[in-house]
Amino acid sequence: MSPVALDDIQAARERVQGEIVLTPCTRSLVFDDLIPGRLHFKFENLHRTGSFKERGALNRLLQLSDDERRRGVIAASAGNHAQAVAFHATRLGIPATILMPEPTPLVKVSNTRRHGAEVILHGQRFSQAIEESRRLQRERDLVMVHAYDDELIVAGQGTIALELMEQLPDLDVVVVPIGGGGIISGVAVGLKSLKPEVRVIGVEVDAAPSATRSREAGRIVEVETQETLADGIAVKALGEVTFPLVERYVDDIVVVGEEEIARAILLLLEREKSVVEGAGAASLAALLTGRVAVSPDEAVVALLCGGNIDVNILSRIIDRGMVDDGRMARLVFTVRDRPGSLARLTQRVAAEGANVLEVAHQRAFADISVGDVEIVMHLETRGRDHVEEVIRALRSDGTRVREAVLPSRAVSGSRPRGT
């Protein structure tokens, strides 16, 4: 008998309805050229604290006794569960203490504090924060609100399934990020109970493939997690509650990498106009890479489970993505070290429709003659083909283009150079 059933999910919805955002599930046409199925996004990044975690956290908090509310709660989280617990605990007048790993993105730490919780940074991994939270739970006589290994948490996350069946009754495939297994367990129980033929696919990051290893072994397997953009699903192991649910209800689990997640984040920003964190973008990454195969007639839902991404990380992803697309390029020129040489060079670049972002001169450390200067120029262009057009035009005028660096492809002069 399952520890979480459809009745539990329906009861959770009755409790939390009206207190959380009813997130949209809309058809996305902007990915039709990349994904064969009829893609829909469930925008769980639109909750007040930026992730689906509010569902389970609120359901758990509403089930506390008066004595437990007085004592207060404690939780360990990489960020999203922390914010959800802090926000709703404060709203309900419940003291909250949150343990977070030290590398947690600053935006998640500051938001958790802003929501009224006591935040304690501990350890380099989520597993270390959990261990410390258990010690403090005993020491302070607090109530644990686990991020995923709790029936009430799972039931709360399962309310997504009820909304999906109302918003898209003909859905065929649902792709869900998987870390500790809370969201995918709840969603899978709800969907399989209402429409057993729906395929539920889990996606985890290769820096923390605990679900894959556990499924292969037929038991819970702990893995050593690595730093990842998808910090929200970088979990050492599935939970005692979630593992059997994953085994029973989840059809398949696939793994995606860092570059694939970064590309998905950028495409969501550019095409869908939606800010999504690494864990949230994992579902789209799995579809873009073809690891989740769908047919053109299938209705597919990708769960965007959170949007709490550090703006500095987002900026680096944007820059990296522009380089990968060839919309930013690094060119190295050699010109005579005379007044006006740089001005003439920038005028020629501008005439070809490229925008100069950054310029650097190198004399003493460049492998050039004494009368020359090396100019390193970062350009914004329309893409790889445009970069090559710029290079051909400059070389036709006699400009010495020593190097043009693009990822996986380079147009070079006399010698290659590193970036």
Protein backbone atom coordinates (compact mmCIF):
# COMPACT_ATOMS: atom_id res chain seq x y z
CA MET A 1 0.00 0.00 0.00
CA SER A 2 1.38 3.40 -1.03
CA PRO A 3 2.18 5.77 1.87
CA VAL A 4 0.76 8.60 -0.27
CA ALA A 5 -2.48 8.15 -2.22
CA LEU A 6 -4.80 10.27 -4.33
CA ASP A 7 -7.00 11.00 -1.28
CA ASP A 8 -4.00 12.56 0.49
CA ILE A 9 -3.27 14.80 -2.49
CA GLN A 10 -6.91 15.88 -2.76
CA ALA A 11 -6.98 16.68 0.96
CA ALA A 12 -3.77 18.70 0.59
CA ARG A 13 -5.36 20.72 -2.17
CA GLU A 14 -8.33 21.55 0.01
CA ARG A 15 -5.93 22.88 2.67
CA VAL A 16 -3.67 24.99 0.47
CA GLN A 17 -6.16 26.19 -2.13
CA GLY A 18 -6.41 29.95 -2.11
CA GLU A 19 -3.15 30.28 -0.17
CA ILE A 20 -0.81 29.47 -3.07
CA VAL A 21 -0.68 30.64 -6.69
CA LEU A 22 -2.60 28.62 -9.27
CA THR A 23 0.28 28.45 -11.75
CA PRO A 24 -0.47 28.47 -15.49
CA CYS A 25 0.12 25.57 -17.85
CA THR A 26 0.34 27.00 -21.35
CA ARG A 27 1.19 25.79 -24.83
CA SER A 28 4.61 26.93 -26.02
CA LEU A 29 4.90 27.53 -29.75
CA VAL A 30 8.41 28.97 -29.66
CA PHE A 31 10.06 25.55 -29.29
CA ASP A 32 8.23 23.85 -32.16
CA ASP A 33 11.42 23.87 -34.24
CA LEU A 34 13.35 22.01 -31.53
CA ILE A 35 10.83 19.64 -29.91
CA PRO A 36 8.43 17.46 -31.94
CA GLY A 37 5.61 17.16 -29.39
CA ARG A 38 3.00 19.77 -28.42
CA LEU A 39 5.03 21.34 -25.64
CA HIS A 40 3.43 22.95 -22.60
CA PHE A 41 5.15 24.54 -19.62
CA LYS A 42 3.83 24.37 -16.07
CA PHE A 43 5.19 27.59 -14.58
CA GLU A 44 5.98 26.60 -11.00
CA ASN A 45 8.56 29.41 -10.96
CA LEU A 46 5.67 31.86 -10.55
CA HIS A 47 4.91 31.10 -6.90
CA ARG A 48 5.48 33.94 -4.44
CA THR A 49 8.77 32.44 -3.27
CA GLY A 50 9.75 31.31 -6.77
CA SER A 51 9.18 27.54 -6.66
CA PHE A 52 6.75 24.64 -6.22
CA LYS A 53 8.04 24.06 -2.67
CA GLU A 54 5.27 26.21 -1.22
CA ARG A 55 2.75 23.45 -1.88
CA GLY A 56 4.35 20.84 0.35
CA ALA A 57 5.65 23.25 2.96
CA LEU A 58 2.25 24.84 3.52
CA ASN A 59 0.49 21.48 3.64
CA ARG A 60 2.95 20.31 6.31
CA LEU A 61 2.73 23.49 8.38
CA LEU A 62 -1.06 23.46 8.38
CA GLN A 63 -1.00 20.00 9.98
CA LEU A 64 1.07 21.08 13.00
CA SER A 65 -0.50 20.88 16.44
CA ASP A 66 -0.73 23.97 18.64
CA ASP A 67 2.20 22.68 20.70
CA GLU A 68 4.33 22.12 17.59
CA ARG A 69 3.55 25.60 16.31
CA ARG A 70 4.68 27.08 19.61
CA ARG A 71 7.96 25.14 19.60
CA GLY A 72 8.77 26.12 16.03
CA VAL A 73 10.08 24.30 12.97
CA ILE A 74 13.45 23.58 11.43
CA ALA A 75 14.35 22.66 7.85
CA ALA A 76 17.42 22.06 5.72
CA SER A 77 17.36 23.30 2.16
CA ALA A 78 19.48 24.41 -0.78
CA GLY A 79 17.14 27.37 -1.04
CA ASN A 80 13.65 26.85 -2.43
CA HIS A 81 12.22 24.77 0.42
CA ALA A 82 13.87 27.21 2.81
CA GLN A 83 12.07 30.18 1.32
CA ALA A 84 8.75 28.36 1.22
CA VAL A 85 8.97 27.28 4.88
CA ALA A 86 10.18 30.73 5.99
CA PHE A 87 7.44 32.58 4.13
CA HIS A 88 4.49 30.46 5.25
CA ALA A 89 5.79 29.85 8.78
CA THR A 90 6.15 33.59 9.34
CA ARG A 91 2.70 34.18 7.85
CA LEU A 92 1.24 31.59 10.25
CA GLY A 93 3.18 32.90 13.27
CA ILE A 94 5.46 29.86 13.55
CA PRO A 95 9.18 30.38 14.41
CA ALA A 96 11.41 28.89 11.69
CA THR A 97 15.10 27.94 11.64
CA ILE A 98 16.66 27.07 8.27
CA LEU A 99 19.96 25.27 7.62
CA MET A 100 21.48 25.97 4.21
CA PRO A 101 24.75 24.78 2.59
CA GLU A 102 27.40 27.49 2.49
CA PRO A 103 27.54 27.63 -1.35
CA THR A 104 23.79 28.36 -1.58
CA PRO A 105 23.16 31.22 -4.08
CA LEU A 106 23.00 34.55 -2.29
CA VAL A 107 19.53 35.36 -3.62
CA LYS A 108 18.10 32.30 -1.87
CA VAL A 109 19.85 33.07 1.43
CA SER A 110 18.80 36.72 1.48
CA ASN A 111 15.22 35.91 0.50
CA THR A 112 14.93 33.29 3.26
CA ARG A 113 16.11 35.80 5.84
CA ARG A 114 13.78 38.44 4.42
CA HIS A 115 10.86 36.06 4.89
CA GLY A 116 11.57 36.00 8.63
CA ALA A 117 13.53 32.80 9.31
CA GLU A 118 16.75 32.33 11.25
CA VAL A 119 19.25 31.17 8.63
CA ILE A 120 22.30 29.09 9.53
CA LEU A 121 24.84 28.32 6.80
CA HIS A 122 26.51 24.96 7.37
CA GLY A 123 28.59 22.57 5.25
CA GLN A 124 29.43 22.40 1.58
CA ARG A 125 26.71 19.90 0.65
CA PHE A 126 22.99 19.58 1.27
CA SER A 127 23.60 16.33 3.16
CA GLN A 128 25.79 18.17 5.69
CA ALA A 129 23.09 20.80 6.23
CA ILE A 130 20.56 18.01 6.88
CA GLU A 131 22.81 16.39 9.47
CA GLU A 132 23.24 19.67 11.34
CA SER A 133 19.49 20.36 11.19
CA ARG A 134 18.81 17.02 12.88
CA ARG A 135 21.28 17.86 15.63
CA LEU A 136 19.66 21.27 16.21
CA GLN A 137 16.21 19.72 16.08
CA ARG A 138 17.07 17.56 19.08
CA GLU A 139 18.94 20.32 20.88
CA ARG A 140 16.19 22.95 20.50
CA ASP A 141 13.17 20.60 20.53
CA LEU A 142 11.99 21.79 17.10
CA VAL A 143 9.72 20.12 14.53
CA MET A 144 11.43 18.91 11.36
CA VAL A 145 9.90 19.98 8.07
CA HIS A 146 11.84 17.80 5.65
CA ALA A 147 12.37 19.05 2.12
CA TYR A 148 11.04 15.88 0.50
CA ASP A 149 11.05 12.79 2.74
CA ASP A 150 7.64 13.37 4.33
CA GLU A 151 4.20 12.12 3.27
CA LEU A 152 2.57 15.53 3.79
CA ILE A 153 5.26 17.23 1.73
CA VAL A 154 4.80 14.71 -1.11
CA ALA A 155 1.02 15.10 -0.98
CA GLY A 156 1.37 18.86 -1.19
CA GLN A 157 3.61 18.65 -4.26
CA GLY A 158 1.09 16.25 -5.78
CA THR A 159 -1.46 19.06 -6.05
CA ILE A 160 0.38 19.93 -9.29
CA ALA A 161 -1.06 16.74 -10.80
CA LEU A 162 -4.63 17.77 -10.00
CA GLU A 163 -4.09 21.14 -11.67
CA LEU A 164 -2.49 19.53 -14.72
CA MET A 165 -5.45 17.22 -15.25
CA GLU A 166 -7.78 20.21 -15.18
CA GLN A 167 -5.58 22.42 -17.35
CA LEU A 168 -4.57 19.79 -19.91
CA PRO A 169 -6.80 16.70 -19.70
CA ASP A 170 -5.25 15.14 -22.83
CA LEU A 171 -1.65 15.26 -21.59
CA ASP A 172 0.53 12.29 -22.59
CA VAL A 173 3.98 12.97 -21.11
CA VAL A 174 5.09 14.93 -18.04
CA VAL A 175 8.78 15.67 -17.53
CA VAL A 176 9.74 16.44 -13.94
CA PRO A 177 13.11 17.37 -12.35
CA ILE A 178 14.13 14.89 -9.67
CA GLY A 179 16.38 15.45 -6.67
CA GLY A 180 15.12 13.98 -3.42
CA GLY A 181 11.99 12.83 -5.20
CA GLY A 182 9.32 14.93 -3.49
CA ILE A 183 7.81 16.65 -6.51
CA ILE A 184 8.01 13.72 -8.90
CA SER A 185 6.54 11.33 -6.31
CA GLY A 186 3.54 13.54 -5.68
CA VAL A 187 2.99 14.32 -9.35
CA ALA A 188 3.38 10.67 -10.37
CA VAL A 189 0.97 9.36 -7.72
CA GLY A 190 -1.63 11.94 -8.69
CA LEU A 191 -1.35 11.48 -12.44
CA LYS A 192 -1.14 7.69 -12.44
CA SER A 193 -4.18 7.52 -10.15
CA LEU A 194 -6.23 9.70 -12.50
CA LYS A 195 -4.78 8.73 -15.90
CA PRO A 196 -2.53 5.64 -15.72
CA GLU A 197 -1.39 5.88 -19.36
CA VAL A 198 0.41 9.18 -18.79
CA ARG A 199 4.19 8.79 -18.97
CA VAL A 200 6.04 10.40 -16.06
CA ILE A 201 9.73 10.98 -16.75
CA GLY A 202 12.24 12.15 -14.16
CA VAL A 203 15.28 14.27 -15.02
CA GLU A 204 18.34 14.61 -12.81
CA VAL A 205 21.71 16.23 -13.31
CA ASP A 206 24.87 14.19 -13.89
CA ALA A 207 26.48 15.92 -10.90
CA ALA A 208 24.00 14.10 -8.61
CA PRO A 209 22.57 10.97 -10.30
CA SER A 210 21.18 9.43 -7.12
CA ALA A 211 17.82 8.37 -8.59
CA THR A 212 19.46 6.65 -11.55
CA ARG A 213 21.90 4.78 -9.32
CA SER A 214 19.10 3.79 -6.94
CA ARG A 215 16.92 2.48 -9.76
CA GLU A 216 19.82 0.45 -11.14
CA ALA A 217 20.53 -1.07 -7.72
CA GLY A 218 16.91 -1.55 -6.67
CA ARG A 219 17.60 0.24 -3.39
CA ILE A 220 18.48 3.71 -2.13
CA VAL A 221 22.03 4.55 -3.18
CA GLU A 222 23.93 7.58 -1.89
CA VAL A 223 26.15 9.49 -4.33
CA GLU A 224 28.75 12.19 -3.86
CA THR A 225 27.28 15.32 -5.38
CA GLN A 226 29.30 17.88 -7.33
CA GLU A 227 28.75 21.60 -7.76
CA THR A 228 26.10 22.23 -10.38
CA LEU A 229 23.84 24.88 -11.87
CA ALA A 230 20.97 22.65 -10.78
CA ASP A 231 21.66 23.06 -7.06
CA GLY A 232 17.98 22.53 -6.27
CA ILE A 233 18.18 18.86 -7.32
CA ALA A 234 21.76 18.14 -6.22
CA VAL A 235 20.70 15.66 -3.54
CA LYS A 236 22.79 12.81 -2.16
CA ALA A 237 19.97 10.24 -2.08
CA LEU A 238 16.26 9.71 -2.53
CA GLY A 239 14.19 9.55 0.64
CA GLU A 240 12.71 6.56 2.42
CA VAL A 241 9.25 7.88 1.55
CA THR A 242 9.99 8.91 -2.02
CA PHE A 243 12.09 5.98 -3.29
CA PRO A 244 9.26 3.39 -3.36
CA LEU A 245 6.95 5.93 -4.97
CA VAL A 246 9.51 6.69 -7.67
CA GLU A 247 10.02 2.97 -8.27
CA ARG A 248 6.30 2.30 -8.55
CA TYR A 249 5.02 5.29 -10.49
CA VAL A 250 7.86 6.88 -12.49
CA ASP A 251 8.29 5.40 -15.97
CA ASP A 252 11.85 6.46 -16.68
CA ILE A 253 14.71 8.61 -15.37
CA VAL A 254 17.19 10.42 -17.62
CA VAL A 255 20.29 12.47 -16.89
CA VAL A 256 21.38 15.83 -18.33
CA GLY A 257 24.65 17.77 -18.09
CA GLU A 258 25.68 21.29 -17.12
CA GLU A 259 26.01 22.70 -20.64
CA GLU A 260 22.62 21.29 -21.58
CA ILE A 261 20.99 22.93 -18.56
CA ALA A 262 22.74 26.24 -19.28
CA ARG A 263 21.42 26.18 -22.85
CA ALA A 264 17.90 25.46 -21.62
CA ILE A 265 18.06 28.39 -19.17
CA LEU A 266 19.13 30.73 -21.95
CA LEU A 267 16.49 29.50 -24.40
CA LEU A 268 13.75 29.89 -21.80
CA LEU A 269 14.91 33.43 -21.17
CA GLU A 270 15.15 34.34 -24.86
CA ARG A 271 12.22 32.46 -26.31
CA GLU A 272 9.74 31.97 -23.48
CA LYS A 273 10.67 35.21 -21.64
CA SER A 274 10.83 33.26 -18.40
CA VAL A 275 13.56 33.24 -15.76
CA VAL A 276 14.17 29.64 -14.63
CA GLU A 277 16.87 28.22 -12.36
CA GLY A 278 19.05 25.24 -13.23
CA ALA A 279 16.87 22.61 -11.57
CA GLY A 280 13.78 24.05 -13.24
CA ALA A 281 15.36 24.03 -16.69
CA ALA A 282 16.39 20.36 -16.44
CA SER A 283 13.04 19.21 -17.83
CA LEU A 284 13.46 21.30 -20.99
CA ALA A 285 17.10 20.21 -21.29
CA ALA A 286 15.99 16.57 -21.40
CA LEU A 287 13.55 17.34 -24.21
CA LEU A 288 16.01 19.44 -26.21
CA THR A 289 18.63 16.68 -26.13
CA GLY A 290 16.15 14.02 -27.15
CA ARG A 291 16.70 11.99 -24.00
CA VAL A 292 12.95 12.13 -23.56
CA ALA A 293 11.55 10.99 -26.89
CA VAL A 294 8.14 12.36 -27.82
CA SER A 295 6.05 12.10 -30.98
CA PRO A 296 4.45 15.06 -32.80
CA ASP A 297 0.94 14.11 -31.70
CA GLU A 298 1.77 13.90 -27.98
CA ALA A 299 0.90 16.61 -25.47
CA VAL A 300 4.01 17.15 -23.35
CA VAL A 301 4.36 19.11 -20.11
CA ALA A 302 7.75 20.28 -18.86
CA LEU A 303 7.66 21.34 -15.22
CA LEU A 304 9.62 24.55 -14.63
CA CYS A 305 9.92 23.93 -10.91
CA GLY A 306 11.73 27.10 -9.83
CA GLY A 307 13.07 30.49 -10.85
CA ASN A 308 15.46 31.41 -8.03
CA ILE A 309 18.67 31.85 -9.96
CA ASP A 310 21.53 34.11 -8.91
CA VAL A 311 21.73 37.08 -11.30
CA ASN A 312 25.51 36.74 -11.56
CA ILE A 313 25.14 33.12 -12.67
CA LEU A 314 22.44 34.16 -15.11
CA SER A 315 24.71 36.84 -16.56
CA ARG A 316 27.48 34.30 -17.13
CA ILE A 317 25.05 31.89 -18.78
CA ILE A 318 23.89 34.64 -21.13
CA ASP A 319 27.46 35.56 -22.08
CA ARG A 320 28.43 31.91 -22.55
CA GLY A 321 25.36 31.27 -24.66
CA MET A 322 26.08 34.22 -26.91
CA VAL A 323 29.60 32.92 -27.46
CA ASP A 324 28.31 29.44 -28.25
CA ASP A 325 25.91 30.90 -30.81
CA GLY A 326 28.67 33.01 -32.34
CA ARG A 327 26.96 36.22 -31.32
CA MET A 328 30.04 37.13 -29.31
CA ALA A 329 33.48 36.52 -30.76
CA ARG A 330 37.09 37.25 -29.87
CA LEU A 331 39.28 38.48 -32.73
CA VAL A 332 43.01 39.18 -32.56
CA PHE A 333 44.54 41.64 -35.03
CA THR A 334 48.06 42.87 -35.70
CA VAL A 335 48.38 46.49 -36.88
CA ARG A 336 51.20 49.00 -37.17
CA ASP A 337 51.78 50.84 -33.87
CA ARG A 338 50.90 54.27 -35.25
CA PRO A 339 48.32 56.97 -34.43
CA GLY A 340 44.96 56.23 -36.07
CA SER A 341 45.49 52.48 -36.51
CA LEU A 342 42.92 51.55 -33.89
CA ALA A 343 40.40 54.10 -35.17
CA ARG A 344 40.66 52.74 -38.72
CA LEU A 345 40.24 49.17 -37.47
CA THR A 346 37.13 49.95 -35.41
CA GLN A 347 35.64 51.88 -38.36
CA ARG A 348 36.08 48.84 -40.61
CA VAL A 349 34.51 46.54 -38.01
CA ALA A 350 31.57 48.93 -37.62
CA ALA A 351 31.14 49.11 -41.40
CA GLU A 352 30.56 45.36 -41.40
CA GLY A 353 27.77 45.66 -38.82
CA ALA A 354 29.63 44.28 -35.78
CA ASN A 355 29.57 46.00 -32.40
CA VAL A 356 32.79 46.40 -30.40
CA LEU A 357 32.27 45.33 -26.77
CA GLU A 358 35.85 45.39 -25.49
CA VAL A 359 39.32 46.29 -26.78
CA ALA A 360 42.77 45.52 -25.37
CA HIS A 361 46.27 46.42 -26.65
CA GLN A 362 49.21 44.08 -26.19
CA ARG A 363 52.76 45.13 -26.94
CA ALA A 364 55.28 43.73 -24.45
CA PHE A 365 53.72 40.27 -24.12
CA ALA A 366 52.63 39.66 -27.71
CA ASP A 367 54.66 37.60 -30.18
CA ILE A 368 54.91 40.40 -32.75
CA SER A 369 57.51 42.71 -34.23
CA VAL A 370 58.60 45.85 -32.38
CA GLY A 371 56.75 48.16 -34.75
CA ASP A 372 53.41 46.38 -34.38
CA VAL A 373 50.69 46.22 -31.75
CA GLU A 374 48.34 43.34 -31.11
CA ILE A 375 44.69 44.29 -30.63
CA VAL A 376 42.29 41.90 -28.96
CA MET A 377 38.70 42.77 -29.74
CA HIS A 378 35.47 41.26 -28.37
CA LEU A 379 32.62 41.73 -30.82
CA GLU A 380 28.87 41.35 -30.77
CA THR A 381 27.66 39.90 -34.07
CA ARG A 382 24.61 38.29 -35.67
CA GLY A 383 26.15 34.81 -35.48
CA ARG A 384 28.96 32.60 -36.73
CA ASP A 385 28.39 33.36 -40.41
CA HIS A 386 28.51 37.08 -39.68
CA VAL A 387 31.84 36.66 -37.85
CA GLU A 388 33.32 34.98 -40.89
CA GLU A 389 31.96 37.74 -43.14
CA VAL A 390 33.70 40.34 -40.94
CA ILE A 391 36.97 38.39 -41.09
CA ARG A 392 36.86 38.04 -44.89
CA ALA A 393 36.12 41.74 -45.35
CA LEU A 394 38.96 42.82 -43.07
CA ARG A 395 41.47 40.46 -44.68
CA SER A 396 40.47 41.67 -48.14
CA ASP A 397 41.54 45.17 -47.02
CA GLY A 398 44.89 43.85 -45.86
CA THR A 399 44.14 43.70 -42.14
CA ARG A 400 46.10 40.93 -40.44
CA VAL A 401 43.58 38.82 -38.54
CA ARG A 402 45.77 36.57 -36.45
CA GLU A 403 42.92 34.67 -34.85
CA ALA A 404 39.17 34.39 -34.52
CA VAL A 405 38.06 32.29 -31.59
CA LEU A 406 34.67 30.56 -31.53
CA PRO A 407 33.80 27.46 -29.48
CA SER A 408 34.35 24.24 -31.46
CA ARG A 409 35.29 26.23 -34.54
CA ALA A 410 38.05 28.76 -35.20
CA VAL A 411 39.35 30.74 -38.14
CA SER A 412 43.07 31.24 -37.49
CA GLY A 413 46.00 33.04 -38.94
CA SER A 414 49.56 31.92 -38.41
CA ARG A 415 48.98 30.04 -35.15
CA PRO A 416 46.22 28.97 -32.74
CA ARG A 417 45.84 30.63 -29.38
CA GLY A 418 43.85 29.86 -26.25
CA THR A 419 40.91 31.91 -25.19
